[in-house]
Amino acid sequence: MAESSSGELGSGKVSTKSQPQFSGFSHVSLPCRDVQEAIRFFTEVLGGELVYDLSAFGEVLIGGVLFGLSRQKEGWTGYSAEYPHYAFFIEPEDVLPMKERLESYGVPTNQLWSRDGVKVLMYFRDPSGNLFEMYCPKGFKDAATLPRAGKDGAYMFDFASLNYSWQG
């Protein structure tokens, strides 16, 4: 929304004041049912680097993003919901190996798909039920042949099928 010179949001007027800006992205705080289980998943399965480990809180660094893991009774992505979800960039040559790695640890994934025949996407959940997306913006050799989800909602996913009980 635009801010007016008087500070009112939504007026469409441009502020005469300098726009403050964020300098970067700090971290994501995720609820989890078991902090040690979450730490094992984020380090062993996803290859994250353990930064901090307490019984009720942990931090893991993955792809330059810090994930704070806190015990909570509930609060993760709904059982059959797409939002909220969190997306990781992935290089084209790592798409299939990461899908295979997740599945080798008993993590259900959906079929690779594309919106436009260029970008490749796939969803999976952590053991607490938080939904993640694997996102390859370009360069995957078979992107044009993958199923597509369009504006009309075609190729919808069964997000409930991504829930599981991790034995990791």
N, C-alpha and C. Protein backbone atom coordinates (compact mmCIF):
# COMPACT_ATOMS: atom_id res chain seq x y z
N MET A 1 0.84 -1.18 0.00
CA MET A 1 0.00 0.00 0.00
C MET A 1 0.88 1.24 0.00
N ALA A 2 0.42 2.24 -0.66
CA ALA A 2 1.15 3.50 -0.68
C ALA A 2 0.87 4.26 0.61
N GLU A 3 1.83 5.04 1.02
CA GLU A 3 1.66 5.85 2.23
C GLU A 3 1.63 7.31 1.82
N SER A 4 0.66 8.03 2.31
CA SER A 4 0.57 9.46 1.98
C SER A 4 1.58 10.23 2.80
N SER A 5 1.77 11.50 2.42
CA SER A 5 2.71 12.34 3.17
C SER A 5 2.23 12.54 4.60
N SER A 6 0.93 12.32 4.82
CA SER A 6 0.42 12.43 6.18
C SER A 6 0.52 11.11 6.92
N GLY A 7 1.02 10.06 6.23
CA GLY A 7 1.21 8.76 6.87
C GLY A 7 0.02 7.84 6.77
N GLU A 8 -1.01 8.21 6.01
CA GLU A 8 -2.18 7.34 5.87
C GLU A 8 -1.91 6.28 4.82
N LEU A 9 -2.17 5.04 5.16
CA LEU A 9 -1.99 3.95 4.22
C LEU A 9 -3.15 3.89 3.26
N GLY A 10 -2.87 3.52 2.02
CA GLY A 10 -3.92 3.26 1.06
C GLY A 10 -4.44 4.47 0.33
N SER A 11 -3.90 5.64 0.55
CA SER A 11 -4.42 6.83 -0.11
C SER A 11 -3.93 6.94 -1.54
N GLY A 12 -2.89 6.17 -1.91
CA GLY A 12 -2.35 6.24 -3.26
C GLY A 12 -1.33 7.35 -3.44
N LYS A 13 -1.17 8.19 -2.46
CA LYS A 13 -0.19 9.27 -2.54
C LYS A 13 1.17 8.76 -2.10
N VAL A 14 2.21 9.21 -2.76
CA VAL A 14 3.57 8.81 -2.43
C VAL A 14 4.09 9.67 -1.28
N SER A 15 4.75 9.04 -0.36
CA SER A 15 5.31 9.75 0.79
C SER A 15 6.44 10.67 0.37
N THR A 16 6.51 11.80 1.00
CA THR A 16 7.63 12.71 0.76
C THR A 16 8.81 12.34 1.65
N LYS A 17 8.61 11.43 2.57
CA LYS A 17 9.67 10.97 3.46
C LYS A 17 10.42 9.81 2.82
N SER A 18 11.66 9.61 3.22
CA SER A 18 12.46 8.49 2.73
C SER A 18 11.85 7.19 3.24
N GLN A 19 11.75 6.22 2.37
CA GLN A 19 11.17 4.91 2.72
C GLN A 19 12.20 4.07 3.46
N PRO A 20 11.95 3.67 4.70
CA PRO A 20 12.89 2.77 5.38
C PRO A 20 12.84 1.40 4.72
N GLN A 21 13.94 0.67 4.76
CA GLN A 21 14.01 -0.65 4.13
C GLN A 21 14.66 -1.65 5.07
N PHE A 22 14.23 -2.91 4.94
CA PHE A 22 14.87 -3.99 5.68
C PHE A 22 16.21 -4.29 5.02
N SER A 23 17.17 -4.74 5.81
CA SER A 23 18.50 -5.03 5.28
C SER A 23 18.71 -6.49 4.93
N GLY A 24 17.78 -7.36 5.31
CA GLY A 24 17.92 -8.78 5.01
C GLY A 24 16.86 -9.56 5.76
N PHE A 25 16.92 -10.87 5.61
CA PHE A 25 15.98 -11.75 6.28
C PHE A 25 16.71 -12.46 7.40
N SER A 26 16.20 -12.40 8.61
CA SER A 26 16.89 -12.95 9.76
C SER A 26 16.62 -14.44 9.97
N HIS A 27 15.37 -14.79 10.23
CA HIS A 27 15.08 -16.18 10.57
C HIS A 27 13.59 -16.49 10.43
N VAL A 28 13.29 -17.78 10.48
CA VAL A 28 11.92 -18.28 10.52
C VAL A 28 11.79 -19.05 11.82
N SER A 29 10.74 -18.78 12.58
CA SER A 29 10.48 -19.54 13.80
C SER A 29 9.38 -20.55 13.50
N LEU A 30 9.70 -21.82 13.66
CA LEU A 30 8.74 -22.88 13.37
C LEU A 30 8.28 -23.58 14.63
N PRO A 31 6.99 -23.83 14.73
CA PRO A 31 6.51 -24.64 15.85
C PRO A 31 6.84 -26.11 15.56
N CYS A 32 7.16 -26.86 16.59
CA CYS A 32 7.38 -28.30 16.40
C CYS A 32 6.89 -29.04 17.64
N ARG A 33 6.51 -30.28 17.44
CA ARG A 33 5.99 -31.06 18.56
C ARG A 33 7.10 -31.63 19.41
N ASP A 34 8.30 -31.80 18.82
CA ASP A 34 9.44 -32.37 19.52
C ASP A 34 10.70 -31.71 18.96
N VAL A 35 11.37 -30.91 19.75
CA VAL A 35 12.52 -30.14 19.28
C VAL A 35 13.66 -31.05 18.81
N GLN A 36 13.96 -32.12 19.56
CA GLN A 36 15.06 -33.01 19.16
C GLN A 36 14.74 -33.72 17.85
N GLU A 37 13.49 -34.13 17.66
CA GLU A 37 13.06 -34.74 16.40
C GLU A 37 13.24 -33.74 15.26
N ALA A 38 12.83 -32.49 15.49
CA ALA A 38 12.96 -31.46 14.46
C ALA A 38 14.43 -31.20 14.13
N ILE A 39 15.29 -31.13 15.14
CA ILE A 39 16.72 -30.91 14.89
C ILE A 39 17.29 -32.05 14.06
N ARG A 40 16.95 -33.30 14.41
CA ARG A 40 17.44 -34.45 13.62
C ARG A 40 16.96 -34.35 12.17
N PHE A 41 15.69 -34.01 11.97
CA PHE A 41 15.14 -33.90 10.62
C PHE A 41 15.85 -32.81 9.82
N PHE A 42 15.98 -31.64 10.41
CA PHE A 42 16.57 -30.51 9.69
C PHE A 42 18.06 -30.68 9.45
N THR A 43 18.77 -31.43 10.29
CA THR A 43 20.21 -31.65 10.08
C THR A 43 20.46 -32.91 9.25
N GLU A 44 19.89 -34.04 9.65
CA GLU A 44 20.17 -35.32 8.98
C GLU A 44 19.51 -35.44 7.61
N VAL A 45 18.25 -35.06 7.51
CA VAL A 45 17.51 -35.24 6.26
C VAL A 45 17.76 -34.08 5.31
N LEU A 46 17.63 -32.84 5.82
CA LEU A 46 17.75 -31.67 4.94
C LEU A 46 19.17 -31.12 4.86
N GLY A 47 20.09 -31.63 5.67
CA GLY A 47 21.49 -31.23 5.58
C GLY A 47 21.82 -29.90 6.23
N GLY A 48 20.99 -29.45 7.15
CA GLY A 48 21.22 -28.19 7.84
C GLY A 48 22.36 -28.28 8.84
N GLU A 49 22.85 -27.11 9.24
CA GLU A 49 23.93 -27.01 10.22
C GLU A 49 23.35 -26.60 11.57
N LEU A 50 23.59 -27.42 12.58
CA LEU A 50 23.11 -27.12 13.93
C LEU A 50 23.84 -25.89 14.47
N VAL A 51 23.08 -24.90 14.91
CA VAL A 51 23.64 -23.67 15.46
C VAL A 51 23.48 -23.63 16.97
N TYR A 52 22.32 -24.10 17.45
CA TYR A 52 21.99 -23.98 18.86
C TYR A 52 21.07 -25.11 19.24
N ASP A 53 21.29 -25.73 20.41
CA ASP A 53 20.47 -26.86 20.82
C ASP A 53 20.21 -26.81 22.33
N LEU A 54 18.97 -26.57 22.69
CA LEU A 54 18.49 -26.69 24.06
C LEU A 54 17.31 -27.66 24.02
N SER A 55 16.87 -28.14 25.12
CA SER A 55 15.78 -29.11 25.10
C SER A 55 14.48 -28.52 24.55
N ALA A 56 14.22 -27.24 24.79
CA ALA A 56 12.96 -26.64 24.35
C ALA A 56 13.13 -25.71 23.15
N PHE A 57 14.35 -25.58 22.62
CA PHE A 57 14.59 -24.67 21.51
C PHE A 57 15.84 -25.09 20.76
N GLY A 58 15.81 -24.97 19.44
CA GLY A 58 16.98 -25.25 18.62
C GLY A 58 17.02 -24.31 17.44
N GLU A 59 18.20 -24.15 16.86
CA GLU A 59 18.36 -23.36 15.65
C GLU A 59 19.20 -24.15 14.66
N VAL A 60 18.74 -24.16 13.40
CA VAL A 60 19.43 -24.86 12.33
C VAL A 60 19.53 -23.91 11.14
N LEU A 61 20.70 -23.88 10.51
CA LEU A 61 20.93 -23.03 9.34
C LEU A 61 20.83 -23.89 8.09
N ILE A 62 19.94 -23.49 7.16
CA ILE A 62 19.77 -24.20 5.90
C ILE A 62 19.69 -23.17 4.79
N GLY A 63 20.56 -23.30 3.80
CA GLY A 63 20.51 -22.41 2.66
C GLY A 63 20.59 -20.94 3.01
N GLY A 64 21.34 -20.61 4.05
CA GLY A 64 21.49 -19.23 4.46
C GLY A 64 20.36 -18.68 5.31
N VAL A 65 19.37 -19.52 5.63
CA VAL A 65 18.25 -19.09 6.47
C VAL A 65 18.31 -19.83 7.80
N LEU A 66 18.14 -19.10 8.87
CA LEU A 66 18.14 -19.68 10.21
C LEU A 66 16.72 -20.09 10.58
N PHE A 67 16.55 -21.34 10.98
CA PHE A 67 15.26 -21.85 11.42
C PHE A 67 15.30 -22.05 12.92
N GLY A 68 14.48 -21.29 13.63
CA GLY A 68 14.32 -21.47 15.06
C GLY A 68 13.23 -22.50 15.29
N LEU A 69 13.50 -23.50 16.11
CA LEU A 69 12.58 -24.61 16.34
C LEU A 69 12.15 -24.58 17.80
N SER A 70 10.87 -24.35 18.03
CA SER A 70 10.34 -24.24 19.39
C SER A 70 9.20 -25.23 19.60
N ARG A 71 9.21 -25.85 20.76
CA ARG A 71 8.15 -26.81 21.09
C ARG A 71 6.84 -26.07 21.27
N GLN A 72 5.81 -26.63 20.64
CA GLN A 72 4.48 -26.05 20.70
C GLN A 72 3.47 -27.16 20.46
N LYS A 73 2.35 -27.12 21.15
CA LYS A 73 1.35 -28.17 21.02
C LYS A 73 0.74 -28.24 19.62
N GLU A 74 0.60 -27.10 18.96
CA GLU A 74 0.03 -27.05 17.62
C GLU A 74 0.45 -25.75 16.95
N GLY A 75 0.05 -25.55 15.70
CA GLY A 75 0.35 -24.30 15.04
C GLY A 75 0.98 -24.49 13.67
N TRP A 76 1.27 -25.71 13.25
CA TRP A 76 1.86 -25.96 11.95
C TRP A 76 0.78 -25.90 10.88
N THR A 77 1.20 -26.05 9.64
CA THR A 77 0.28 -25.98 8.51
C THR A 77 -0.86 -26.98 8.70
N GLY A 78 -2.07 -26.56 8.40
CA GLY A 78 -3.23 -27.44 8.53
C GLY A 78 -3.06 -28.75 7.79
N TYR A 79 -3.70 -29.79 8.29
CA TYR A 79 -3.56 -31.17 7.79
C TYR A 79 -3.73 -31.27 6.27
N SER A 80 -4.65 -30.53 5.70
CA SER A 80 -4.88 -30.60 4.26
C SER A 80 -4.71 -29.24 3.58
N ALA A 81 -3.95 -28.35 4.22
CA ALA A 81 -3.78 -26.98 3.71
C ALA A 81 -2.46 -26.80 2.95
N GLU A 82 -2.46 -25.82 2.06
CA GLU A 82 -1.26 -25.44 1.33
C GLU A 82 -0.53 -24.27 2.00
N TYR A 83 -1.25 -23.50 2.76
CA TYR A 83 -0.67 -22.31 3.38
C TYR A 83 -0.86 -22.33 4.89
N PRO A 84 0.12 -21.85 5.64
CA PRO A 84 1.40 -21.34 5.15
C PRO A 84 2.34 -22.48 4.75
N HIS A 85 3.22 -22.17 3.85
CA HIS A 85 4.32 -23.08 3.55
C HIS A 85 5.59 -22.26 3.37
N TYR A 86 6.72 -22.94 3.38
CA TYR A 86 8.03 -22.31 3.33
C TYR A 86 8.79 -22.95 2.17
N ALA A 87 9.42 -22.13 1.32
CA ALA A 87 10.04 -22.65 0.10
C ALA A 87 11.56 -22.56 0.14
N PHE A 88 12.20 -23.64 -0.28
CA PHE A 88 13.65 -23.69 -0.45
C PHE A 88 13.98 -23.62 -1.93
N PHE A 89 14.96 -22.78 -2.32
CA PHE A 89 15.52 -22.85 -3.66
C PHE A 89 16.32 -24.14 -3.75
N ILE A 90 16.34 -24.72 -4.94
CA ILE A 90 17.18 -25.90 -5.17
C ILE A 90 17.70 -25.85 -6.60
N GLU A 91 18.93 -26.29 -6.79
CA GLU A 91 19.54 -26.31 -8.12
C GLU A 91 18.97 -27.47 -8.93
N PRO A 92 18.91 -27.33 -10.26
CA PRO A 92 18.29 -28.36 -11.10
C PRO A 92 18.87 -29.76 -10.88
N GLU A 93 20.19 -29.86 -10.72
CA GLU A 93 20.82 -31.18 -10.56
C GLU A 93 20.53 -31.81 -9.20
N ASP A 94 19.99 -31.05 -8.26
CA ASP A 94 19.70 -31.57 -6.93
C ASP A 94 18.22 -31.92 -6.72
N VAL A 95 17.37 -31.58 -7.69
CA VAL A 95 15.93 -31.81 -7.54
C VAL A 95 15.62 -33.29 -7.30
N LEU A 96 16.00 -34.15 -8.23
CA LEU A 96 15.68 -35.58 -8.08
C LEU A 96 16.42 -36.23 -6.91
N PRO A 97 17.72 -35.94 -6.70
CA PRO A 97 18.39 -36.51 -5.52
C PRO A 97 17.73 -36.09 -4.20
N MET A 98 17.25 -34.85 -4.08
CA MET A 98 16.60 -34.43 -2.83
C MET A 98 15.25 -35.13 -2.67
N LYS A 99 14.50 -35.26 -3.75
CA LYS A 99 13.23 -35.99 -3.68
C LYS A 99 13.49 -37.43 -3.22
N GLU A 100 14.49 -38.07 -3.81
CA GLU A 100 14.83 -39.45 -3.43
C GLU A 100 15.32 -39.52 -1.98
N ARG A 101 16.10 -38.54 -1.55
CA ARG A 101 16.60 -38.52 -0.17
C ARG A 101 15.44 -38.42 0.82
N LEU A 102 14.53 -37.48 0.57
CA LEU A 102 13.37 -37.33 1.45
C LEU A 102 12.60 -38.65 1.54
N GLU A 103 12.32 -39.25 0.41
CA GLU A 103 11.56 -40.50 0.38
C GLU A 103 12.31 -41.64 1.07
N SER A 104 13.65 -41.65 0.97
CA SER A 104 14.43 -42.71 1.62
C SER A 104 14.34 -42.60 3.15
N TYR A 105 14.01 -41.42 3.67
CA TYR A 105 13.82 -41.20 5.10
C TYR A 105 12.35 -41.35 5.51
N GLY A 106 11.52 -41.81 4.58
CA GLY A 106 10.10 -42.01 4.89
C GLY A 106 9.26 -40.75 4.83
N VAL A 107 9.77 -39.71 4.17
CA VAL A 107 9.04 -38.44 4.04
C VAL A 107 8.25 -38.48 2.73
N PRO A 108 6.92 -38.44 2.81
CA PRO A 108 6.13 -38.43 1.58
C PRO A 108 6.34 -37.14 0.79
N THR A 109 6.36 -37.25 -0.52
CA THR A 109 6.47 -36.08 -1.39
C THR A 109 5.36 -36.18 -2.44
N ASN A 110 5.07 -35.07 -3.12
CA ASN A 110 4.15 -35.15 -4.23
C ASN A 110 4.95 -35.20 -5.53
N GLN A 111 4.29 -35.44 -6.62
CA GLN A 111 4.94 -35.49 -7.92
C GLN A 111 5.52 -34.11 -8.25
N LEU A 112 6.66 -34.10 -8.92
CA LEU A 112 7.21 -32.84 -9.42
C LEU A 112 6.19 -32.23 -10.36
N TRP A 113 6.08 -30.89 -10.35
CA TRP A 113 5.12 -30.22 -11.22
C TRP A 113 5.64 -28.85 -11.59
N SER A 114 4.94 -28.19 -12.49
CA SER A 114 5.34 -26.86 -12.95
C SER A 114 4.10 -26.01 -13.19
N ARG A 115 4.24 -24.72 -13.01
CA ARG A 115 3.16 -23.80 -13.37
C ARG A 115 3.28 -23.36 -14.82
N ASP A 116 4.52 -23.32 -15.33
CA ASP A 116 4.76 -22.71 -16.63
C ASP A 116 5.70 -23.50 -17.54
N GLY A 117 6.05 -24.72 -17.16
CA GLY A 117 6.96 -25.51 -17.97
C GLY A 117 8.42 -25.13 -17.79
N VAL A 118 8.72 -24.22 -16.85
CA VAL A 118 10.09 -23.79 -16.57
C VAL A 118 10.42 -24.04 -15.10
N LYS A 119 9.61 -23.49 -14.21
CA LYS A 119 9.82 -23.66 -12.77
C LYS A 119 9.36 -25.05 -12.35
N VAL A 120 10.13 -25.69 -11.46
CA VAL A 120 9.78 -27.01 -10.96
C VAL A 120 9.56 -26.92 -9.45
N LEU A 121 8.46 -27.52 -8.99
CA LEU A 121 8.09 -27.45 -7.58
C LEU A 121 7.72 -28.83 -7.05
N MET A 122 7.82 -28.96 -5.72
CA MET A 122 7.40 -30.17 -5.04
C MET A 122 7.19 -29.83 -3.57
N TYR A 123 6.18 -30.44 -2.94
CA TYR A 123 5.89 -30.21 -1.53
C TYR A 123 6.29 -31.41 -0.68
N PHE A 124 6.62 -31.13 0.59
CA PHE A 124 6.84 -32.14 1.61
C PHE A 124 6.64 -31.49 2.97
N ARG A 125 6.51 -32.30 4.01
CA ARG A 125 6.32 -31.78 5.37
C ARG A 125 7.45 -32.24 6.28
N ASP A 126 7.68 -31.47 7.34
CA ASP A 126 8.59 -31.93 8.38
C ASP A 126 7.78 -32.82 9.32
N PRO A 127 8.39 -33.47 10.30
CA PRO A 127 7.65 -34.39 11.17
C PRO A 127 6.51 -33.74 11.96
N SER A 128 6.58 -32.43 12.20
CA SER A 128 5.51 -31.75 12.93
C SER A 128 4.34 -31.37 12.03
N GLY A 129 4.52 -31.39 10.73
CA GLY A 129 3.45 -31.04 9.81
C GLY A 129 3.63 -29.72 9.10
N ASN A 130 4.74 -29.00 9.36
CA ASN A 130 5.01 -27.77 8.62
C ASN A 130 5.22 -28.13 7.15
N LEU A 131 4.62 -27.38 6.25
CA LEU A 131 4.69 -27.66 4.82
C LEU A 131 5.82 -26.88 4.18
N PHE A 132 6.63 -27.57 3.37
CA PHE A 132 7.75 -26.97 2.65
C PHE A 132 7.59 -27.21 1.16
N GLU A 133 8.15 -26.30 0.40
CA GLU A 133 8.17 -26.42 -1.05
C GLU A 133 9.62 -26.45 -1.51
N MET A 134 9.91 -27.35 -2.43
CA MET A 134 11.20 -27.38 -3.10
C MET A 134 10.97 -26.62 -4.41
N TYR A 135 11.76 -25.56 -4.66
CA TYR A 135 11.50 -24.65 -5.77
C TYR A 135 12.75 -24.47 -6.62
N CYS A 136 12.68 -24.94 -7.86
CA CYS A 136 13.77 -24.78 -8.82
C CYS A 136 13.26 -23.83 -9.91
N PRO A 137 13.74 -22.56 -9.91
CA PRO A 137 13.18 -21.56 -10.83
C PRO A 137 13.50 -21.77 -12.30
N LYS A 138 14.60 -22.45 -12.62
CA LYS A 138 14.92 -22.68 -14.03
C LYS A 138 16.03 -23.72 -14.15
N GLY A 139 16.13 -24.31 -15.34
CA GLY A 139 17.23 -25.21 -15.64
C GLY A 139 16.96 -26.69 -15.49
N PHE A 140 15.78 -27.08 -14.97
CA PHE A 140 15.48 -28.51 -14.84
C PHE A 140 15.11 -29.05 -16.22
N LYS A 141 15.85 -30.05 -16.70
CA LYS A 141 15.75 -30.47 -18.10
C LYS A 141 14.37 -30.98 -18.52
N ASP A 142 13.60 -31.55 -17.62
CA ASP A 142 12.30 -32.10 -17.99
C ASP A 142 11.12 -31.23 -17.55
N ALA A 143 11.37 -29.98 -17.22
CA ALA A 143 10.32 -29.11 -16.69
C ALA A 143 9.12 -29.00 -17.62
N ALA A 144 9.36 -28.93 -18.91
CA ALA A 144 8.27 -28.75 -19.88
C ALA A 144 7.34 -29.95 -19.96
N THR A 145 7.81 -31.11 -19.51
CA THR A 145 6.99 -32.33 -19.60
C THR A 145 6.21 -32.63 -18.32
N LEU A 146 6.42 -31.85 -17.28
CA LEU A 146 5.78 -32.12 -15.99
C LEU A 146 4.33 -31.66 -15.97
N PRO A 147 3.50 -32.29 -15.12
CA PRO A 147 2.12 -31.81 -14.96
C PRO A 147 2.14 -30.34 -14.54
N ARG A 148 1.11 -29.62 -14.96
CA ARG A 148 1.03 -28.19 -14.65
C ARG A 148 -0.20 -27.87 -13.84
N ALA A 149 -0.03 -26.92 -12.94
CA ALA A 149 -1.16 -26.38 -12.19
C ALA A 149 -1.42 -24.99 -12.74
N GLY A 150 -2.61 -24.78 -13.23
CA GLY A 150 -2.93 -23.50 -13.83
C GLY A 150 -3.76 -22.62 -12.94
N LYS A 151 -4.12 -21.47 -13.47
CA LYS A 151 -4.93 -20.51 -12.73
C LYS A 151 -6.30 -21.07 -12.40
N ASP A 152 -6.76 -22.03 -13.18
CA ASP A 152 -8.07 -22.61 -12.94
C ASP A 152 -8.06 -23.67 -11.84
N GLY A 153 -6.89 -23.89 -11.22
CA GLY A 153 -6.78 -24.84 -10.12
C GLY A 153 -6.52 -26.27 -10.58
N ALA A 154 -6.30 -26.46 -11.89
CA ALA A 154 -6.02 -27.80 -12.40
C ALA A 154 -4.76 -28.36 -11.73
N TYR A 155 -4.71 -29.66 -11.59
CA TYR A 155 -3.65 -30.40 -10.94
C TYR A 155 -3.51 -29.97 -9.48
N MET A 156 -4.56 -30.18 -8.75
CA MET A 156 -4.55 -29.89 -7.32
C MET A 156 -3.93 -31.07 -6.57
N PHE A 157 -3.39 -30.79 -5.41
CA PHE A 157 -2.68 -31.80 -4.64
C PHE A 157 -3.51 -32.27 -3.47
N ASP A 158 -3.24 -33.49 -3.05
CA ASP A 158 -3.81 -34.03 -1.83
C ASP A 158 -2.80 -33.75 -0.72
N PHE A 159 -2.90 -32.55 -0.14
CA PHE A 159 -1.93 -32.15 0.88
C PHE A 159 -2.00 -33.03 2.12
N ALA A 160 -3.16 -33.61 2.39
CA ALA A 160 -3.29 -34.51 3.54
C ALA A 160 -2.40 -35.74 3.36
N SER A 161 -2.16 -36.17 2.11
CA SER A 161 -1.33 -37.35 1.88
C SER A 161 0.13 -37.12 2.23
N LEU A 162 0.53 -35.90 2.48
CA LEU A 162 1.91 -35.60 2.85
C LEU A 162 2.16 -35.70 4.35
N ASN A 163 1.11 -35.94 5.13
CA ASN A 163 1.27 -36.12 6.58
C ASN A 163 1.78 -37.52 6.88
N TYR A 164 2.57 -37.65 7.92
CA TYR A 164 3.18 -38.94 8.24
C TYR A 164 3.67 -38.93 9.68
N SER A 165 4.03 -40.10 10.17
CA SER A 165 4.66 -40.25 11.48
C SER A 165 6.09 -40.65 11.21
N TRP A 166 6.99 -39.73 11.48
CA TRP A 166 8.41 -39.97 11.16
C TRP A 166 9.04 -40.89 12.18
N GLN A 167 9.79 -41.83 11.68
CA GLN A 167 10.49 -42.79 12.55
C GLN A 167 11.98 -42.55 12.59
N GLY A 168 12.41 -41.33 12.22
CA GLY A 168 13.83 -40.99 12.07
C GLY A 168 14.61 -41.01 13.28
